[in-house]
């Protein structure tokens, strides 16, 4: 007697058979590398909570980008750490700011051979660590902030960014950025909106990487999304699409696979997922204690993100996965 489950077992018999009938395939084209560039350092600086990840100098950044290109990685996203911070985060739109200079360096090195994405936020540049301008009462001024975002977008586009990626979760940020880019004759620069960005506990290593501490022990729960909510994320995704986003992002990834899947059902825009610093750090920490096979879990998690519906993945695993694949 033959049973359907025996047919399934027959198709699992060998690695070649399993590969032949795999429904989801992860490849290097699915990966974007988050990279950090720091002003005022002479050598790369290791980030203790992100094993294998560095704050780059401009020179080491270009070398890393060149090597990622040789591995077939299609894109990077840049985060900057300036020497000087102020209340408005003015180095974020300074033409000589660290990200603008690094974008020019990378563009000169790779031409159009890689997609250059610039994270668009001001938390790395402010002395209070919030993603927007803070009023005297401690609240974030949404309208003043999105005007600043427009200036940052223009500076990043002039420096060579293909895509700007607003991560501050301010209301109306996508429309303000689109209008600013178009006004500055950068209609071809795309917007990757952090549409479903949750107020997650998984961002700690990233904040160390960009040297950000929120003033007075504050948090971002008034403008990032509540991790208990699903409908809120879908509403934000639809709003960003209406405002002119070219792509949308879900962040974090593994804890929010349901949101990625739901997003796939409501939009035809490309979907990015950010496999964030805490997700990466947990794999590395568990692997270092021989609790898991880190390489296997890394591939499993990234494949799950793609299976859920993501078109591409921002991950600190990019280089090692590209080398493996």
Protein backbone atom coordinates (compact mmCIF):
# COMPACT_ATOMS: atom_id res chain seq x y z
CA UNK A 1 0.00 0.00 0.00
CA UNK A 2 1.24 3.50 -0.84
CA UNK A 3 0.65 6.53 1.35
CA UNK A 4 1.12 10.17 0.37
CA UNK A 5 3.61 10.71 3.19
CA UNK A 6 5.80 7.96 1.70
CA UNK A 7 6.00 10.01 -1.48
CA UNK A 8 7.18 12.93 0.58
CA UNK A 9 9.80 10.77 2.30
CA UNK A 10 11.06 9.54 -1.05
CA UNK A 11 11.69 13.16 -2.06
CA UNK A 12 13.81 13.68 1.06
CA UNK A 13 16.04 10.69 0.45
CA UNK A 14 19.23 12.47 -0.63
CA UNK A 15 20.65 15.99 -0.43
CA UNK A 16 20.39 16.28 -4.20
CA UNK A 17 16.69 15.34 -4.16
CA UNK A 18 15.98 17.78 -1.35
CA UNK A 19 17.75 20.51 -3.27
CA UNK A 20 15.87 19.66 -6.45
CA UNK A 21 12.42 20.07 -4.92
CA UNK A 22 13.16 22.91 -2.47
CA UNK A 23 10.40 25.51 -2.52
CA UNK A 24 12.49 28.41 -1.22
CA UNK A 25 16.02 29.20 -2.34
CA UNK A 26 18.32 31.64 -0.62
CA UNK A 27 21.10 33.09 -2.73
CA UNK A 28 23.56 35.94 -2.62
CA UNK A 29 21.22 38.18 -4.62
CA UNK A 30 18.91 38.26 -1.60
CA UNK A 31 21.43 39.90 0.73
CA UNK A 32 22.25 43.47 1.74
CA UNK A 33 25.15 44.15 4.11
CA UNK A 34 24.71 46.76 6.87
CA UNK A 35 28.03 48.60 7.28
CA UNK A 36 29.20 51.18 9.81
CA UNK A 37 31.61 54.01 9.03
CA UNK A 38 33.05 56.19 11.81
CA UNK A 39 34.55 59.63 11.58
CA UNK A 40 37.89 60.37 13.24
CA UNK A 41 39.40 56.88 13.57
CA UNK A 42 42.59 55.64 11.93
CA UNK A 43 41.85 51.90 12.07
CA UNK A 44 38.67 49.82 12.11
CA UNK A 45 37.15 49.30 15.55
CA UNK A 46 35.59 45.96 16.51
CA UNK A 47 32.10 46.04 18.04
CA UNK A 48 32.12 43.71 21.09
CA UNK A 49 28.42 42.80 20.95
CA UNK A 50 28.52 42.14 17.18
CA UNK A 51 31.12 39.46 16.64
CA UNK A 52 32.98 40.02 13.38
CA UNK A 53 31.42 43.43 12.71
CA UNK A 54 33.45 46.66 12.70
CA UNK A 55 33.14 50.40 12.68
CA UNK A 56 35.04 51.16 9.48
CA UNK A 57 37.31 53.97 8.45
CA UNK A 58 36.56 55.40 5.03
CA UNK A 59 39.47 53.39 3.62
CA UNK A 60 38.52 50.07 5.22
CA UNK A 61 34.90 50.60 4.20
CA UNK A 62 35.88 50.86 0.55
CA UNK A 63 37.95 47.68 0.88
CA UNK A 64 35.02 45.84 2.47
CA UNK A 65 32.62 47.03 -0.22
CA UNK A 66 35.03 45.92 -2.94
CA UNK A 67 35.28 42.46 -1.39
CA UNK A 68 31.52 42.15 -0.97
CA UNK A 69 31.11 43.07 -4.63
CA UNK A 70 33.57 40.31 -5.58
CA UNK A 71 31.35 37.84 -3.68
CA UNK A 72 28.33 38.93 -5.71
CA UNK A 73 26.57 40.87 -2.95
CA UNK A 74 24.25 43.33 -4.72
CA UNK A 75 23.96 46.06 -2.09
CA UNK A 76 24.98 47.68 1.18
CA UNK A 77 23.29 50.01 3.64
CA UNK A 78 25.44 52.63 5.37
CA UNK A 79 25.23 53.92 8.94
CA UNK A 80 27.46 56.77 10.10
CA UNK A 81 29.01 57.68 13.45
CA UNK A 82 30.10 61.34 13.51
CA UNK A 83 32.67 62.92 15.79
CA UNK A 84 30.32 65.75 16.77
CA UNK A 85 26.66 65.49 17.74
CA UNK A 86 24.12 68.25 18.38
CA UNK A 87 20.44 68.72 19.17
CA UNK A 88 19.28 68.60 15.55
CA UNK A 89 21.77 66.07 14.21
CA UNK A 90 23.15 68.53 11.66
CA UNK A 91 26.00 66.25 10.56
CA UNK A 92 23.38 64.02 8.97
CA UNK A 93 22.91 66.50 6.12
CA UNK A 94 26.34 68.10 6.06
CA UNK A 95 27.83 67.57 2.55
CA UNK A 96 31.08 66.73 4.33
CA UNK A 97 29.37 64.46 6.85
CA UNK A 98 30.76 60.97 7.23
CA UNK A 99 28.01 59.12 5.35
CA UNK A 100 28.03 61.58 2.46
CA UNK A 101 31.81 61.24 2.08
CA UNK A 102 31.60 57.45 2.39
CA UNK A 103 28.88 57.28 -0.25
CA UNK A 104 31.10 59.21 -2.65
CA UNK A 105 34.03 56.90 -1.87
CA UNK A 106 31.95 53.79 -2.53
CA UNK A 107 30.44 55.20 -5.71
CA UNK A 108 33.88 56.02 -7.03
CA UNK A 109 35.00 52.46 -6.25
CA UNK A 110 32.08 50.36 -7.56
CA UNK A 111 30.33 52.68 -10.00
CA UNK A 112 26.88 51.28 -10.66
CA UNK A 113 28.03 47.77 -9.77
CA UNK A 114 26.37 47.82 -6.34
CA UNK A 115 23.25 49.36 -4.86
CA UNK A 116 24.16 51.99 -2.26
CA UNK A 117 21.50 52.50 0.41
CA UNK A 118 21.77 55.23 3.02
CA UNK A 119 19.96 54.84 6.32
CA UNK A 120 18.07 58.07 6.83
CA UNK A 121 17.67 58.97 10.47
CA UNK A 122 19.28 61.38 12.90
CA UNK A 123 19.61 59.34 16.09
CA UNK A 124 23.31 58.64 15.38
CA UNK A 125 23.86 62.39 14.99
CA UNK A 126 21.91 63.84 17.92
CA UNK A 127 23.16 64.40 21.44
CA UNK A 128 19.91 62.98 22.87
CA UNK A 129 19.72 59.78 20.80
CA UNK A 130 16.18 60.23 19.52
CA UNK A 131 15.22 59.87 15.87
CA UNK A 132 13.84 63.38 15.74
CA UNK A 133 14.11 66.89 17.11
CA UNK A 134 13.14 66.94 20.78
CA UNK A 135 11.02 69.69 22.33
CA UNK A 136 11.64 71.12 25.80
CA UNK A 137 9.04 68.75 27.26
CA UNK A 138 10.93 65.73 25.90
CA UNK A 139 8.50 64.89 23.10
CA UNK A 140 9.61 64.56 19.48
CA UNK A 141 8.56 67.31 17.07
CA UNK A 142 7.27 65.28 14.12
CA UNK A 143 6.84 68.13 11.63
CA UNK A 144 10.23 69.73 12.22
CA UNK A 145 11.84 66.31 12.02
CA UNK A 146 10.42 65.37 8.63
CA UNK A 147 11.60 68.70 7.23
CA UNK A 148 15.09 67.73 8.38
CA UNK A 149 14.67 64.29 6.83
CA UNK A 150 14.10 65.99 3.49
CA UNK A 151 17.42 67.81 3.81
CA UNK A 152 19.19 64.59 4.75
CA UNK A 153 17.68 62.79 1.75
CA UNK A 154 18.90 65.51 -0.60
CA UNK A 155 22.43 65.34 0.84
CA UNK A 156 22.53 61.56 0.53
CA UNK A 157 21.21 61.62 -3.03
CA UNK A 158 23.78 64.25 -4.08
CA UNK A 159 26.50 62.03 -2.59
CA UNK A 160 25.47 59.05 -4.71
CA UNK A 161 22.84 57.05 -2.84
CA UNK A 162 20.60 54.90 -5.03
CA UNK A 163 18.12 54.44 -2.20
CA UNK A 164 17.38 56.38 0.98
CA UNK A 165 15.91 54.40 3.84
CA UNK A 166 14.01 56.48 6.42
CA UNK A 167 14.02 54.60 9.71
CA UNK A 168 12.73 57.25 12.11
CA UNK A 169 9.04 56.28 11.97
CA UNK A 170 7.77 59.86 11.80
CA UNK A 171 4.29 60.45 10.39
CA UNK A 172 4.43 61.70 6.81
CA UNK A 173 8.16 61.06 6.44
CA UNK A 174 7.91 59.26 3.10
CA UNK A 175 5.89 62.03 1.46
CA UNK A 176 8.21 64.73 2.81
CA UNK A 177 11.28 62.87 1.55
CA UNK A 178 9.77 62.17 -1.86
CA UNK A 179 8.89 65.84 -2.30
CA UNK A 180 12.36 66.94 -1.20
CA UNK A 181 14.08 64.52 -3.58
CA UNK A 182 11.92 65.49 -6.53
CA UNK A 183 12.41 69.19 -5.82
CA UNK A 184 16.17 68.59 -5.89
CA UNK A 185 15.99 66.74 -9.24
CA UNK A 186 16.53 63.32 -7.71
CA UNK A 187 13.37 61.66 -9.01
CA UNK A 188 15.36 58.49 -9.74
CA UNK A 189 16.41 57.96 -6.11
CA UNK A 190 14.17 55.34 -4.49
CA UNK A 191 12.76 55.22 -0.96
CA UNK A 192 12.96 52.08 1.18
CA UNK A 193 10.58 52.85 4.02
CA UNK A 194 11.02 51.23 7.43
CA UNK A 195 7.25 50.81 7.43
CA UNK A 196 6.85 48.14 10.09
CA UNK A 197 9.57 48.93 12.60
CA UNK A 198 8.81 47.65 16.04
CA UNK A 199 9.94 48.99 19.42
CA UNK A 200 11.91 45.81 19.91
CA UNK A 201 14.33 44.69 22.58
CA UNK A 202 16.64 43.34 19.86
CA UNK A 203 18.43 46.58 18.96
CA UNK A 204 20.97 46.75 21.77
CA UNK A 205 24.08 45.71 19.81
CA UNK A 206 23.18 48.14 17.02
CA UNK A 207 23.05 51.03 19.48
CA UNK A 208 26.51 50.12 20.65
CA UNK A 209 27.64 50.01 17.01
CA UNK A 210 26.41 53.56 16.33
CA UNK A 211 27.27 54.92 19.79
CA UNK A 212 23.69 55.91 20.65
CA UNK A 213 22.22 56.27 24.13
CA UNK A 214 18.74 57.72 24.55
CA UNK A 215 18.82 60.64 26.99
CA UNK A 216 17.34 60.26 30.47
CA UNK A 217 16.76 56.55 30.00
CA UNK A 218 14.04 57.22 27.44
CA UNK A 219 12.74 55.00 24.67
CA UNK A 220 11.13 55.26 21.23
CA UNK A 221 7.81 53.63 21.99
CA UNK A 222 5.82 56.74 21.06
CA UNK A 223 6.95 56.54 17.43
CA UNK A 224 8.01 52.93 16.87
CA UNK A 225 5.34 50.25 16.72
CA UNK A 226 4.02 48.23 19.63
CA UNK A 227 5.24 44.67 19.21
CA UNK A 228 1.86 43.33 20.33
CA UNK A 229 0.10 44.78 17.26
CA UNK A 230 -0.37 43.42 13.76
CA UNK A 231 -3.00 45.69 12.20
CA UNK A 232 -0.93 48.75 13.11
CA UNK A 233 1.94 47.48 10.96
CA UNK A 234 -0.31 46.82 7.98
CA UNK A 235 -1.79 50.31 8.24
CA UNK A 236 1.71 51.84 8.31
CA UNK A 237 2.73 49.81 5.24
CA UNK A 238 -0.32 50.97 3.30
CA UNK A 239 0.25 54.59 4.35
CA UNK A 240 3.88 54.51 3.21
CA UNK A 241 2.90 53.03 -0.14
CA UNK A 242 0.32 55.78 -0.63
CA UNK A 243 2.94 58.42 0.25
CA UNK A 244 5.30 57.15 -2.44
CA UNK A 245 7.52 54.43 -0.95
CA UNK A 246 9.19 52.27 -3.59
CA UNK A 247 9.92 49.43 -1.16
CA UNK A 248 8.89 48.65 2.39
CA UNK A 249 10.71 47.01 5.30
CA UNK A 250 9.76 44.87 8.27
CA UNK A 251 12.12 45.11 11.26
CA UNK A 252 13.05 42.90 13.14
CA UNK A 253 12.59 39.80 11.02
CA UNK A 254 12.43 36.46 12.84
CA UNK A 255 9.98 37.60 15.53
CA UNK A 256 7.79 39.17 12.85
CA UNK A 257 7.54 36.53 10.12
CA UNK A 258 3.75 36.84 10.34
CA UNK A 259 4.01 40.55 9.49
CA UNK A 260 6.24 39.79 6.48
CA UNK A 261 3.69 37.24 5.26
CA UNK A 262 0.78 39.63 5.80
CA UNK A 263 2.67 42.41 4.03
CA UNK A 264 3.17 40.16 1.03
CA UNK A 265 -0.60 39.77 0.82
CA UNK A 266 -1.38 43.49 0.83
CA UNK A 267 1.33 45.03 -1.35
CA UNK A 268 3.14 44.32 -4.59
CA UNK A 269 6.08 46.52 -3.57
CA UNK A 270 9.39 44.79 -2.90
CA UNK A 271 9.65 43.77 0.75
CA UNK A 272 12.86 43.99 2.73
CA UNK A 273 13.36 42.40 6.13
CA UNK A 274 16.04 43.47 8.59
CA UNK A 275 17.62 40.55 10.45
CA UNK A 276 18.70 42.84 13.25
CA UNK A 277 21.71 43.04 15.52
CA UNK A 278 20.11 41.14 18.40
CA UNK A 279 19.05 38.30 16.13
CA UNK A 280 22.59 38.06 14.79
CA UNK A 281 24.16 38.34 18.24
CA UNK A 282 22.02 35.54 19.67
CA UNK A 283 23.15 33.15 16.94
CA UNK A 284 26.79 34.04 17.55
CA UNK A 285 26.49 33.77 21.34
CA UNK A 286 24.75 30.39 21.26
CA UNK A 287 27.19 29.05 18.67
CA UNK A 288 30.16 30.17 20.76
CA UNK A 289 28.83 27.98 23.60
CA UNK A 290 28.32 25.02 21.22
CA UNK A 291 24.59 25.16 21.93
CA UNK A 292 23.71 25.34 18.24
CA UNK A 293 25.34 24.94 14.86
CA UNK A 294 25.59 28.64 14.03
CA UNK A 295 26.06 28.15 10.29
CA UNK A 296 23.00 25.93 10.01
CA UNK A 297 20.82 28.24 12.11
CA UNK A 298 21.94 31.28 10.12
CA UNK A 299 20.89 29.67 6.84
CA UNK A 300 17.67 28.39 8.43
CA UNK A 301 16.66 31.81 9.73
CA UNK A 302 17.44 33.70 6.53
CA UNK A 303 15.62 31.09 4.44
CA UNK A 304 12.61 31.37 6.75
CA UNK A 305 12.57 35.14 6.21
CA UNK A 306 12.54 34.67 2.47
CA UNK A 307 9.94 31.90 2.72
CA UNK A 308 7.68 34.29 4.62
CA UNK A 309 7.71 36.64 1.62
CA UNK A 310 10.72 38.95 1.84
CA UNK A 311 12.41 39.85 -1.44
CA UNK A 312 15.71 40.75 0.18
CA UNK A 313 17.28 40.69 3.63
CA UNK A 314 19.50 43.15 5.46
CA UNK A 315 21.76 41.03 7.64
CA UNK A 316 25.13 41.13 9.39
CA UNK A 317 25.51 37.57 8.13
CA UNK A 318 25.82 38.78 4.54
CA UNK A 319 29.53 38.25 4.07
CA UNK A 320 29.74 34.77 5.61
CA UNK A 321 26.56 33.58 3.89
CA UNK A 322 27.82 34.89 0.56
CA UNK A 323 31.07 33.01 1.08
CA UNK A 324 29.11 29.86 1.96
CA UNK A 325 26.74 30.11 -0.97
